[in-house]
Structures are given as structure tokens and as C-alpha cells.
C-alpha atoms as a PDB file:
ATOM      1  CA  UNK A   1      96.178 138.600 -22.681  1.00  0.00           C
ATOM      2  CA  UNK A   2      92.159 138.703 -22.300  1.00  0.00           C
ATOM      3  CA  UNK A   3      89.719 140.917 -23.429  1.00  0.00           C
ATOM      4  CA  UNK A   4      88.644 142.674 -20.222  1.00  0.00           C
ATOM      5  CA  UNK A   5      92.334 143.872 -19.672  1.00  0.00           C
ATOM      6  CA  UNK A   6      92.575 144.908 -23.267  1.00  0.00           C
ATOM      7  CA  UNK A   7      89.444 146.982 -21.821  1.00  0.00           C
ATOM      8  CA  UNK A   8      90.624 148.500 -18.621  1.00  0.00           C
ATOM      9  CA  UNK A   9      94.186 149.360 -20.215  1.00  0.00           C
ATOM     10  CA  UNK A  10      92.484 151.229 -22.643  1.00  0.00           C
ATOM     11  CA  UNK A  11      89.960 152.722 -20.203  1.00  0.00           C
ATOM     12  CA  UNK A  12      93.372 153.891 -18.224  1.00  0.00           C
ATOM     13  CA  UNK A  13      94.919 155.336 -20.924  1.00  0.00           C
ATOM     14  CA  UNK A  14      92.506 157.610 -22.240  1.00  0.00           C
ATOM     15  CA  UNK A  15      91.198 158.784 -18.659  1.00  0.00           C
ATOM     16  CA  UNK A  16      95.057 159.493 -17.612  1.00  0.00           C
ATOM     17  CA  UNK A  17      95.180 161.577 -20.647  1.00  0.00           C
ATOM     18  CA  UNK A  18      92.470 163.837 -20.574  1.00  0.00           C
ATOM     19  CA  UNK A  19      93.439 164.778 -17.102  1.00  0.00           C
ATOM     20  CA  UNK A  20      96.657 165.118 -17.787  1.00  0.00           C
ATOM     21  CA  UNK A  21      95.664 167.326 -20.296  1.00  0.00           C
ATOM     22  CA  UNK A  22      93.411 169.168 -18.207  1.00  0.00           C
ATOM     23  CA  UNK A  23      95.574 169.904 -15.327  1.00  0.00           C
ATOM     24  CA  UNK A  24      98.111 171.190 -18.503  1.00  0.00           C
ATOM     25  CA  UNK A  25      95.584 173.930 -20.093  1.00  0.00           C
ATOM     26  CA  UNK A  26      95.260 174.714 -16.059  1.00  0.00           C
ATOM     27  CA  UNK A  27      98.396 175.365 -15.968  1.00  0.00           C
ATOM     28  CA  UNK A  28      98.411 173.158 -13.023  1.00  0.00           C
ATOM     29  CA  UNK A  29     101.004 170.969 -14.910  1.00  0.00           C
ATOM     30  CA  UNK A  30     103.797 172.087 -17.265  1.00  0.00           C
ATOM     31  CA  UNK A  31     104.601 169.553 -20.297  1.00  0.00           C
ATOM     32  CA  UNK A  32     106.585 167.644 -18.327  1.00  0.00           C
ATOM     33  CA  UNK A  33     104.343 167.209 -15.201  1.00  0.00           C
ATOM     34  CA  UNK A  34     101.545 166.206 -17.791  1.00  0.00           C
ATOM     35  CA  UNK A  35     103.351 163.319 -19.211  1.00  0.00           C
ATOM     36  CA  UNK A  36     104.290 161.612 -16.017  1.00  0.00           C
ATOM     37  CA  UNK A  37     100.606 162.358 -14.690  1.00  0.00           C
ATOM     38  CA  UNK A  38     100.104 159.991 -17.842  1.00  0.00           C
ATOM     39  CA  UNK A  39     101.926 157.151 -16.474  1.00  0.00           C
ATOM     40  CA  UNK A  40     100.563 158.256 -12.418  1.00  0.00           C
ATOM     41  CA  UNK A  41      96.964 157.784 -13.757  1.00  0.00           C
ATOM     42  CA  UNK A  42      97.443 154.646 -16.077  1.00  0.00           C
ATOM     43  CA  UNK A  43      99.164 152.659 -13.059  1.00  0.00           C
ATOM     44  CA  UNK A  44      96.523 153.457 -10.817  1.00  0.00           C
ATOM     45  CA  UNK A  45      93.607 153.662 -13.400  1.00  0.00           C
ATOM     46  CA  UNK A  46      94.927 150.219 -14.675  1.00  0.00           C
ATOM     47  CA  UNK A  47      95.175 148.026 -10.908  1.00  0.00           C
ATOM     48  CA  UNK A  48      92.197 149.734  -9.199  1.00  0.00           C
ATOM     49  CA  UNK A  49      89.433 152.200 -10.174  1.00  0.00           C
ATOM     50  CA  UNK A  50      89.793 152.913  -5.891  1.00  0.00           C
ATOM     51  CA  UNK A  51      93.471 153.840  -6.396  1.00  0.00           C
ATOM     52  CA  UNK A  52      92.460 155.908  -9.212  1.00  0.00           C
ATOM     53  CA  UNK A  53      89.616 157.675  -7.740  1.00  0.00           C
ATOM     54  CA  UNK A  54      92.626 158.288  -4.593  1.00  0.00           C
ATOM     55  CA  UNK A  55      94.694 159.753  -7.446  1.00  0.00           C
ATOM     56  CA  UNK A  56      91.802 161.792  -8.752  1.00  0.00           C
ATOM     57  CA  UNK A  57      90.583 162.783  -5.044  1.00  0.00           C
ATOM     58  CA  UNK A  58      94.375 164.227  -4.184  1.00  0.00           C
ATOM     59  CA  UNK A  59      95.176 166.103  -7.900  1.00  0.00           C
ATOM     60  CA  UNK A  60      91.925 167.736  -8.292  1.00  0.00           C
ATOM     61  CA  UNK A  61      91.595 168.806  -4.465  1.00  0.00           C
ATOM     62  CA  UNK A  62      95.198 170.242  -4.471  1.00  0.00           C
ATOM     63  CA  UNK A  63      95.173 172.062  -7.714  1.00  0.00           C
ATOM     64  CA  UNK A  64      92.341 174.333  -6.504  1.00  0.00           C
ATOM     65  CA  UNK A  65      93.591 174.601  -3.196  1.00  0.00           C
ATOM     66  CA  UNK A  66      96.930 175.623  -5.161  1.00  0.00           C
ATOM     67  CA  UNK A  67      94.398 179.437  -6.145  1.00  0.00           C
ATOM     68  CA  UNK A  68      93.218 179.437  -2.558  1.00  0.00           C
ATOM     69  CA  UNK A  69      94.895 183.252  -1.592  1.00  0.00           C
ATOM     70  CA  UNK A  70      97.822 182.530  -4.224  1.00  0.00           C
ATOM     71  CA  UNK A  71      98.438 186.773  -3.771  1.00  0.00           C
ATOM     72  CA  UNK A  72      99.276 185.703  -0.167  1.00  0.00           C
ATOM     73  CA  UNK A  73     101.244 183.198  -1.308  1.00  0.00           C
ATOM     74  CA  UNK A  74     103.165 185.146  -4.395  1.00  0.00           C
ATOM     75  CA  UNK A  75     105.058 187.315  -1.805  1.00  0.00           C
ATOM     76  CA  UNK A  76     105.963 184.355   0.803  1.00  0.00           C
ATOM     77  CA  UNK A  77     106.847 181.788  -1.507  1.00  0.00           C
ATOM     78  CA  UNK A  78     110.569 181.647  -2.803  1.00  0.00           C
ATOM     79  CA  UNK A  79     108.995 179.310  -5.416  1.00  0.00           C
ATOM     80  CA  UNK A  80     106.083 179.987  -6.405  1.00  0.00           C
ATOM     81  CA  UNK A  81     104.645 179.724  -9.752  1.00  0.00           C
ATOM     82  CA  UNK A  82     101.284 180.915 -11.460  1.00  0.00           C
ATOM     83  CA  UNK A  83      98.785 178.115 -10.776  1.00  0.00           C
ATOM     84  CA  UNK A  84     101.363 175.935  -8.749  1.00  0.00           C
ATOM     85  CA  UNK A  85     102.309 174.571 -11.994  1.00  0.00           C
ATOM     86  CA  UNK A  86     104.171 171.262 -11.122  1.00  0.00           C
ATOM     87  CA  UNK A  87     107.426 169.229 -13.142  1.00  0.00           C
ATOM     88  CA  UNK A  88     107.938 165.841 -13.326  1.00  0.00           C
ATOM     89  CA  UNK A  89     109.939 166.061 -10.801  1.00  0.00           C
ATOM     90  CA  UNK A  90     107.061 166.682  -7.941  1.00  0.00           C
ATOM     91  CA  UNK A  91     104.375 164.168 -10.021  1.00  0.00           C
ATOM     92  CA  UNK A  92     106.464 161.789  -9.796  1.00  0.00           C
ATOM     93  CA  UNK A  93     107.805 162.215  -5.997  1.00  0.00           C
ATOM     94  CA  UNK A  94     104.060 162.881  -5.043  1.00  0.00           C
ATOM     95  CA  UNK A  95     102.938 159.677  -7.031  1.00  0.00           C
ATOM     96  CA  UNK A  96     106.060 157.789  -7.736  1.00  0.00           C
ATOM     97  CA  UNK A  97     105.175 155.211  -4.581  1.00  0.00           C
ATOM     98  CA  UNK A  98     101.576 155.310  -5.638  1.00  0.00           C
ATOM     99  CA  UNK A  99     102.501 154.358  -9.083  1.00  0.00           C
ATOM    100  CA  UNK A 100     105.307 151.735  -8.048  1.00  0.00           C
ATOM    101  CA  UNK A 101     102.994 149.917  -5.842  1.00  0.00           C
ATOM    102  CA  UNK A 102     100.038 149.659  -8.476  1.00  0.00           C
ATOM    103  CA  UNK A 103     101.722 148.246 -11.165  1.00  0.00           C
ATOM    104  CA  UNK A 104     103.394 145.718  -8.308  1.00  0.00           C
ATOM    105  CA  UNK A 105      99.744 144.957  -7.569  1.00  0.00           C
ATOM    106  CA  UNK A 106      98.930 144.675 -11.412  1.00  0.00           C
ATOM    107  CA  UNK A 107     101.992 142.124 -12.063  1.00  0.00           C
ATOM    108  CA  UNK A 108     100.885 139.888  -8.829  1.00  0.00           C
ATOM    109  CA  UNK A 109      96.999 140.156  -8.225  1.00  0.00           C
ATOM    110  CA  UNK A 110      96.018 141.406 -11.406  1.00  0.00           C
ATOM    111  CA  UNK A 111      93.692 144.410 -12.213  1.00  0.00           C
ATOM    112  CA  UNK A 112      90.476 144.938 -10.048  1.00  0.00           C
ATOM    113  CA  UNK A 113      88.646 146.033  -7.391  1.00  0.00           C
ATOM    114  CA  UNK A 114      88.887 144.095  -3.731  1.00  0.00           C
ATOM    115  CA  UNK A 115      87.806 144.521  -0.459  1.00  0.00           C
ATOM    116  CA  UNK A 116      90.041 144.850   2.189  1.00  0.00           C
ATOM    117  CA  UNK A 117      90.514 141.499   3.784  1.00  0.00           C
ATOM    118  CA  UNK A 118      93.860 140.637   5.714  1.00  0.00           C
ATOM    119  CA  UNK A 119      93.182 137.130   6.729  1.00  0.00           C
ATOM    120  CA  UNK A 120      92.556 135.559   3.181  1.00  0.00           C
ATOM    121  CA  UNK A 121      93.795 138.421   0.653  1.00  0.00           C
ATOM    122  CA  UNK A 122      96.760 139.594   2.977  1.00  0.00           C
ATOM    123  CA  UNK A 123      98.900 140.619   0.020  1.00  0.00           C
ATOM    124  CA  UNK A 124      96.224 142.341  -1.857  1.00  0.00           C
ATOM    125  CA  UNK A 125      95.177 144.481   1.126  1.00  0.00           C
ATOM    126  CA  UNK A 126      99.311 145.391   1.884  1.00  0.00           C
ATOM    127  CA  UNK A 127      99.531 146.981  -1.283  1.00  0.00           C
ATOM    128  CA  UNK A 128      96.023 148.505  -1.400  1.00  0.00           C
ATOM    129  CA  UNK A 129      96.941 150.431   1.928  1.00  0.00           C
ATOM    130  CA  UNK A 130     100.652 151.198   0.847  1.00  0.00           C
ATOM    131  CA  UNK A 131      98.559 153.190  -2.447  1.00  0.00           C
ATOM    132  CA  UNK A 132      96.328 154.532  -0.156  1.00  0.00           C
ATOM    133  CA  UNK A 133      98.963 155.750   2.557  1.00  0.00           C
ATOM    134  CA  UNK A 134     100.647 157.257  -0.164  1.00  0.00           C
ATOM    135  CA  UNK A 135      98.462 159.232  -1.492  1.00  0.00           C
ATOM    136  CA  UNK A 136      96.380 159.965   1.518  1.00  0.00           C
ATOM    137  CA  UNK A 137     100.404 161.533   2.893  1.00  0.00           C
ATOM    138  CA  UNK A 138     100.517 163.549  -0.151  1.00  0.00           C
ATOM    139  CA  UNK A 139      97.468 165.178  -0.514  1.00  0.00           C
ATOM    140  CA  UNK A 140      97.269 165.869   3.465  1.00  0.00           C
ATOM    141  CA  UNK A 141     100.488 167.579   3.258  1.00  0.00           C
ATOM    142  CA  UNK A 142      99.761 169.707   0.130  1.00  0.00           C
ATOM    143  CA  UNK A 143      96.383 170.868   1.730  1.00  0.00           C
ATOM    144  CA  UNK A 144      98.280 171.426   4.968  1.00  0.00           C
ATOM    145  CA  UNK A 145     101.499 173.965   2.751  1.00  0.00           C
ATOM    146  CA  UNK A 146      98.438 175.106   1.179  1.00  0.00           C
ATOM    147  CA  UNK A 147      96.373 176.132   3.506  1.00  0.00           C
ATOM    148  CA  UNK A 148      98.435 177.100   6.468  1.00  0.00           C
ATOM    149  CA  UNK A 149     100.516 179.063   4.365  1.00  0.00           C
ATOM    150  CA  UNK A 150      98.047 181.168   2.960  1.00  0.00           C
ATOM    151  CA  UNK A 151      96.254 181.823   6.604  1.00  0.00           C
ATOM    152  CA  UNK A 152      98.835 184.634   8.024  1.00  0.00           C
ATOM    153  CA  UNK A 153      96.979 185.034  11.279  1.00  0.00           C
ATOM    154  CA  UNK A 154      98.358 182.000  12.934  1.00  0.00           C
ATOM    155  CA  UNK A 155     102.316 181.619  13.282  1.00  0.00           C
ATOM    156  CA  UNK A 156     104.098 178.712  12.582  1.00  0.00           C
ATOM    157  CA  UNK A 157     106.045 176.858  15.367  1.00  0.00           C
ATOM    158  CA  UNK A 158     108.509 174.717  14.389  1.00  0.00           C
ATOM    159  CA  UNK A 159     107.863 170.839  15.042  1.00  0.00           C
ATOM    160  CA  UNK A 160     111.437 170.084  16.648  1.00  0.00           C
ATOM    161  CA  UNK A 161     111.519 172.677  18.975  1.00  0.00           C
ATOM    162  CA  UNK A 162     107.644 174.753  18.814  1.00  0.00           C
ATOM    163  CA  UNK A 163     109.598 177.884  19.050  1.00  0.00           C
ATOM    164  CA  UNK A 164     107.490 180.316  16.831  1.00  0.00           C
ATOM    165  CA  UNK A 165     109.003 180.788  13.122  1.00  0.00           C
ATOM    166  CA  UNK A 166     108.127 182.951  10.185  1.00  0.00           C
ATOM    167  CA  UNK A 167     105.382 181.661   7.329  1.00  0.00           C
ATOM    168  CA  UNK A 168     106.809 179.355   5.197  1.00  0.00           C
ATOM    169  CA  UNK A 169     109.330 178.081   7.145  1.00  0.00           C
ATOM    170  CA  UNK A 170     109.931 174.311   6.275  1.00  0.00           C
ATOM    171  CA  UNK A 171     108.805 172.398   9.678  1.00  0.00           C
ATOM    172  CA  UNK A 172     106.997 175.079  11.157  1.00  0.00           C
ATOM    173  CA  UNK A 173     103.021 173.745  12.053  1.00  0.00           C
ATOM    174  CA  UNK A 174     100.042 175.753  12.590  1.00  0.00           C
ATOM    175  CA  UNK A 175      96.091 174.621  13.932  1.00  0.00           C
ATOM    176  CA  UNK A 176      95.102 174.570  10.796  1.00  0.00           C
ATOM    177  CA  UNK A 177      97.548 173.172   8.854  1.00  0.00           C
ATOM    178  CA  UNK A 178      97.287 170.338  10.751  1.00  0.00           C
ATOM    179  CA  UNK A 179      93.223 170.151  10.895  1.00  0.00           C
ATOM    180  CA  UNK A 180      94.192 170.450   7.380  1.00  0.00           C
ATOM    181  CA  UNK A 181      96.573 167.770   6.570  1.00  0.00           C
ATOM    182  CA  UNK A 182      94.138 165.185   8.427  1.00  0.00           C
ATOM    183  CA  UNK A 183      91.208 166.442   5.981  1.00  0.00           C
ATOM    184  CA  UNK A 184      92.768 165.239   2.770  1.00  0.00           C
ATOM    185  CA  UNK A 185      93.655 162.328   3.735  1.00  0.00           C
ATOM    186  CA  UNK A 186      90.027 161.894   5.144  1.00  0.00           C
ATOM    187  CA  UNK A 187      88.808 163.033   1.644  1.00  0.00           C
ATOM    188  CA  UNK A 188      91.112 160.760  -0.056  1.00  0.00           C
ATOM    189  CA  UNK A 189      90.117 157.777   2.098  1.00  0.00           C
ATOM    190  CA  UNK A 190      86.178 158.859   1.302  1.00  0.00           C
ATOM    191  CA  UNK A 191      87.161 158.559  -2.217  1.00  0.00           C
ATOM    192  CA  UNK A 192      89.019 155.240  -1.851  1.00  0.00           C
ATOM    193  CA  UNK A 193      85.830 153.973   0.031  1.00  0.00           C
ATOM    194  CA  UNK A 194      82.982 155.817  -1.774  1.00  0.00           C
ATOM    195  CA  UNK A 195      84.609 153.954  -5.276  1.00  0.00           C
ATOM    196  CA  UNK A 196      85.246 150.323  -3.153  1.00  0.00           C
ATOM    197  CA  UNK A 197      81.328 150.796  -2.375  1.00  0.00           C
ATOM    198  CA  UNK A 198      80.190 151.416  -6.163  1.00  0.00           C
ATOM    199  CA  UNK A 199      82.022 148.495  -7.648  1.00  0.00           C
ATOM    200  CA  UNK A 200      82.471 146.134  -5.042  1.00  0.00           C
ATOM    201  CA  UNK A 201      80.372 146.094  -1.465  1.00  0.00           C
ATOM    202  CA  UNK A 202      76.745 146.394  -3.205  1.00  0.00           C
ATOM    203  CA  UNK A 203      76.877 143.889  -5.083  1.00  0.00           C
ATOM    204  CA  UNK A 204      79.285 141.511  -2.511  1.00  0.00           C
ATOM    205  CA  UNK A 205      77.167 138.524  -1.722  1.00  0.00           C
ATOM    206  CA  UNK A 206      79.299 136.971   1.200  1.00  0.00           C
ATOM    207  CA  UNK A 207      79.881 138.664   4.114  1.00  0.00           C
ATOM    208  CA  UNK A 208      83.271 140.864   4.326  1.00  0.00           C
ATOM    209  CA  UNK A 209      85.130 142.795   7.313  1.00  0.00           C
ATOM    210  CA  UNK A 210      84.116 146.162   7.744  1.00  0.00           C
ATOM    211  CA  UNK A 211      85.659 148.566   5.437  1.00  0.00           C
ATOM    212  CA  UNK A 212      85.061 152.002   6.979  1.00  0.00           C
ATOM    213  CA  UNK A 213      88.738 151.275   8.315  1.00  0.00           C
ATOM    214  CA  UNK A 214      89.756 152.733   5.136  1.00  0.00           C
ATOM    215  CA  UNK A 215      88.360 156.145   5.630  1.00  0.00           C
ATOM    216  CA  UNK A 216      89.747 156.054   9.298  1.00  0.00           C
ATOM    217  CA  UNK A 217      93.051 155.309   7.411  1.00  0.00           C
ATOM    218  CA  UNK A 218      93.277 158.230   5.050  1.00  0.00           C
ATOM    219  CA  UNK A 219      92.565 160.590   8.213  1.00  0.00           C
ATOM    220  CA  UNK A 220      95.549 159.335   9.727  1.00  0.00           C
ATOM    221  CA  UNK A 221      98.008 158.966   6.976  1.00  0.00           C
ATOM    222  CA  UNK A 222      97.277 162.383   6.304  1.00  0.00           C
ATOM    223  CA  UNK A 223      98.150 163.382   9.673  1.00  0.00           C
ATOM    224  CA  UNK A 224     101.035 161.207   9.624  1.00  0.00           C
ATOM    225  CA  UNK A 225     102.521 161.912   6.294  1.00  0.00           C
ATOM    226  CA  UNK A 226     102.297 165.970   7.184  1.00  0.00           C
ATOM    227  CA  UNK A 227     104.501 165.166  10.880  1.00  0.00           C
ATOM    228  CA  UNK A 228     106.922 163.381   9.042  1.00  0.00           C
ATOM    229  CA  UNK A 229     107.139 165.944   6.593  1.00  0.00           C
ATOM    230  CA  UNK A 230     107.958 168.538   8.697  1.00  0.00           C
ATOM    231  CA  UNK A 231     109.667 166.874  11.297  1.00  0.00           C
ATOM    232  CA  UNK A 232     112.371 166.034   7.728  1.00  0.00           C
ATOM    233  CA  UNK A 233     111.604 169.780   6.782  1.00  0.00           C
ATOM    234  CA  UNK A 234     112.738 171.080  10.100  1.00  0.00           C
ATOM    235  CA  UNK A 235     116.109 169.036  10.084  1.00  0.00           C
ATOM    236  CA  UNK A 236     116.986 168.139   6.594  1.00  0.00           C
ATOM    237  CA  UNK A 237     115.843 170.966   4.657  1.00  0.00           C
ATOM    238  CA  UNK A 238     117.484 174.600   5.483  1.00  0.00           C
ATOM    239  CA  UNK A 239     115.282 177.484   5.723  1.00  0.00           C
ATOM    240  CA  UNK A 240     116.814 181.019   6.079  1.00  0.00           C
ATOM    241  CA  UNK A 241     115.545 184.860   6.086  1.00  0.00           C
ATOM    242  CA  UNK A 242     116.243 186.585   3.170  1.00  0.00           C
ATOM    243  CA  UNK A 243     116.931 190.403   4.425  1.00  0.00           C
ATOM    244  CA  UNK A 244     116.442 191.278   0.454  1.00  0.00           C
ATOM    245  CA  UNK A 245     113.578 189.172  -0.589  1.00  0.00           C
ATOM    246  CA  UNK A 246     111.893 189.795   2.851  1.00  0.00           C
ATOM    247  CA  UNK A 247     110.769 186.036   3.038  1.00  0.00           C
ATOM    248  CA  UNK A 248     111.772 182.297   3.645  1.00  0.00           C
ATOM    249  CA  UNK A 249     114.113 180.852   1.460  1.00  0.00           C
ATOM    250  CA  UNK A 250     115.057 177.145   1.195  1.00  0.00           C
ATOM    251  CA  UNK A 251     118.857 177.897  -0.212  1.00  0.00           C
ATOM    252  CA  UNK A 252     122.016 179.871   1.661  1.00  0.00           C
ATOM    253  CA  UNK A 253     122.543 182.709   0.648  1.00  0.00           C
ATOM    254  CA  UNK A 254     124.866 186.042   1.612  1.00  0.00           C
ATOM    255  CA  UNK A 255     121.629 187.893   2.751  1.00  0.00           C
ATOM    256  CA  UNK A 256     119.514 184.832   4.399  1.00  0.00           C
ATOM    257  CA  UNK A 257     119.555 184.099   8.381  1.00  0.00           C
ATOM    258  CA  UNK A 258     119.267 180.801   9.123  1.00  0.00           C
ATOM    259  CA  UNK A 259     116.346 179.494  11.061  1.00  0.00           C
ATOM    260  CA  UNK A 260     116.500 176.049  11.160  1.00  0.00           C
ATOM    261  CA  UNK A 261     117.433 173.051   9.130  1.00  0.00           C
ATOM    262  CA  UNK A 262     120.508 171.751   6.964  1.00  0.00           C
ATOM    263  CA  UNK A 263     120.566 171.953   3.434  1.00  0.00           C
ATOM    264  CA  UNK A 264     120.749 168.245   2.598  1.00  0.00           C
ATOM    265  CA  UNK A 265     117.188 167.922   0.599  1.00  0.00           C
ATOM    266  CA  UNK A 266     114.909 169.190  -0.880  1.00  0.00           C
ATOM    267  CA  UNK A 267     111.183 169.595  -0.897  1.00  0.00           C
ATOM    268  CA  UNK A 268     110.876 166.857  -4.047  1.00  0.00           C
ATOM    269  CA  UNK A 269     112.839 165.140  -2.040  1.00  0.00           C
ATOM    270  CA  UNK A 270     110.815 165.359   1.389  1.00  0.00           C
ATOM    271  CA  UNK A 271     107.489 164.778  -0.228  1.00  0.00           C
ATOM    272  CA  UNK A 272     108.677 161.457  -1.571  1.00  0.00           C
ATOM    273  CA  UNK A 273     110.616 160.289   1.381  1.00  0.00           C
ATOM    274  CA  UNK A 274     107.323 161.023   3.596  1.00  0.00           C
ATOM    275  CA  UNK A 275     104.902 159.185   1.035  1.00  0.00           C
ATOM    276  CA  UNK A 276     107.478 156.607   1.053  1.00  0.00           C
ATOM    277  CA  UNK A 277     107.387 156.289   4.747  1.00  0.00           C
ATOM    278  CA  UNK A 278     103.514 156.600   4.865  1.00  0.00           C
ATOM    279  CA  UNK A 279     102.791 154.018   2.603  1.00  0.00           C
ATOM    280  CA  UNK A 280     104.986 151.696   4.266  1.00  0.00           C
ATOM    281  CA  UNK A 281     103.557 152.683   7.703  1.00  0.00           C
ATOM    282  CA  UNK A 282      99.833 152.776   6.578  1.00  0.00           C
ATOM    283  CA  UNK A 283      99.902 148.538   5.533  1.00  0.00           C
ATOM    284  CA  UNK A 284     101.227 147.683   9.432  1.00  0.00           C
ATOM    285  CA  UNK A 285      98.643 150.013  10.670  1.00  0.00           C
ATOM    286  CA  UNK A 286      95.784 148.551   9.102  1.00  0.00           C
ATOM    287  CA  UNK A 287      96.445 145.359   9.622  1.00  0.00           C
ATOM    288  CA  UNK A 288      96.377 145.935  13.504  1.00  0.00           C
ATOM    289  CA  UNK A 289      93.236 148.332  12.680  1.00  0.00           C
ATOM    290  CA  UNK A 290      91.126 145.435  10.680  1.00  0.00           C
ATOM    291  CA  UNK A 291      92.428 142.334  13.798  1.00  0.00           C
ATOM    292  CA  UNK A 292      91.299 145.103  16.662  1.00  0.00           C
ATOM    293  CA  UNK A 293      87.688 145.513  14.226  1.00  0.00           C
ATOM    294  CA  UNK A 294      87.170 141.823  14.111  1.00  0.00           C
ATOM    295  CA  UNK A 295      87.864 140.781  17.064  1.00  0.00           C
ATOM    296  CA  UNK A 296      85.648 143.230  18.507  1.00  0.00           C
ATOM    297  CA  UNK A 297      82.842 142.453  16.238  1.00  0.00           C
ATOM    298  CA  UNK A 298      83.507 138.847  17.557  1.00  0.00           C
ATOM    299  CA  UNK A 299      83.263 139.914  20.889  1.00  0.00           C
ATOM    300  CA  UNK A 300      79.737 141.622  19.749  1.00  0.00           C
ATOM    301  CA  UNK A 301      78.465 138.874  18.341  1.00  0.00           C
ATOM    302  CA  UNK A 302      79.529 135.925  20.905  1.00  0.00           C
ATOM    303  CA  UNK A 303      77.707 138.725  23.166  1.00  0.00           C
ATOM    304  CA  UNK A 304      74.430 138.797  21.393  1.00  0.00           C
END
């Protein structure tokens, strides 16, 4: 164990404690959520500052958006919590995949920031895009849910049938929500790319593959993850309209009229599955994106 690793581990621990404490004090996290956030933050910061900045972009922006038009969400959401307080289950379902891949990255590749190069650093590039994909998915889905629910002027349509459904229905999509999912993923991609530029690209002395696809993959992951989440929400999550509460509920009751889905997975499980699927898909998608970009650049060089 060298001094550089100890220094990075110390930094990762301190910064994850600081961010988690901030989340706990602002009521974005309950105590169990704050403890889980320490683990997630530590793993991401230890492995790569690019991973950590992506996590930070997701966490801080989502916490802010939770309070966006909270009075509207209070009326519509069956499980509404003031400040959007998240527990350890929610934290791990959104950040667990990124945490797992980050720890594998540390064991296999060590600590540090690396530019994406599928040709010469294949495994590291795969894991990096898996982390980016998982976090961009979670961010895109959160932005979509928080903004889509709050904007009552757009009636959601069920993603599987396109019929109109009440606001808050699992699997309901709107144009603002879809745009928000892409923007959330883009935001995470920009955070990753900006950190990579400051830590690696500014001082690298050799020619490297174009790194701008990181931003594009973040955008795609936000959109793709939101679509997966919506499809699962429409099929394996229960949605019903309660005649007493006058809003959508997520569990069958005697006063709820079925809208869509079956009572198989809850929202946390859907978030975990969506994050895992996107985290698996984006490294493969990234491989073909960089293959196309590198091929196109080669053709430009040859033509010139």
C-alpha cells in the first residue's frame, strides 16, 4: 500500500463524509441513506475523480430538483417525503451498480483517472462507461420523474399503449419528462468529461482518441435508462387510482382502481434494474461509438 493510495483513500473518505453530512442536514438523506452514501461516495472517489464528479452531479442536481414544485408533488405522490429524504435502499438502488464497478476498477486497474481508449485500455474503458451509464441513467430517470410530475400541463401517456394516464402513473411519459431525462444524462456526461479534461487531457503528451463521445453517451444513457424504467414501471409495477386519496397509489387496495402493471417490483427495484441494464449496455454502445469515431477520423486523415 503506497503513499498515493493512502492519500487518495483519505481524500475519498473525507469528501464522502462531508457530502453525506450535507445531505443528512438538508434532509435529502436520512441516517441510513447518509451512511450508504458514504460507501458509494468513497468507492467512486477512490477509483476515479471522474466517477466521483459524475456521482456528485447526480446527487446534488437530484436533491435540488426534489424540491422543485414540491407542493404539487405532495398532492400527487403517495410516498411523498419532505425534502425527498432518501434511505439506504434508495441510495444503493441508484448508486449500487456504480459502487460495485468502481470497486472492481480499483482491484483490477488501481486508482486514477484514465482517458477512454478501447483499443489499448479495453477493460478500464468498459468499466468507466459502465459507471457513467449507471449514474447517467439514475440522474436522467430522477430528472424525468421530478420534472415530469411537477408539470401538470402535460398529460402522461403510458409508454406501452400511449393511452393517457393520470400524473404519477408508473410508466407514464411526457415530452418535458423525456427531455429532462436526456438533460440529466447530459449533465452527468459533462461532469465526467470536465473532470477528465482537468485531470488528464490538459497534461497528456500523446495523441489520444477523441473523448467528446463521453458527453454523448451520458445523454443517451439518461434517455435509455428512463425508457427502461418507464417500460418496467408500466408492466411490473402496480399503478391504481385511489378514490379516497384522489391520486395514484403503488399498491393494490380496496379503494384503488387498476391503471396498469402488476404488483411485482417496487420503485426501488425498478431503479436498480434500470441502472444495471444501462450500466451493461453503455460500455457496448460506447465501443461502437468510438469505433465509428476513430474510423471517421482515420478517413479524414487519409483524405487530407
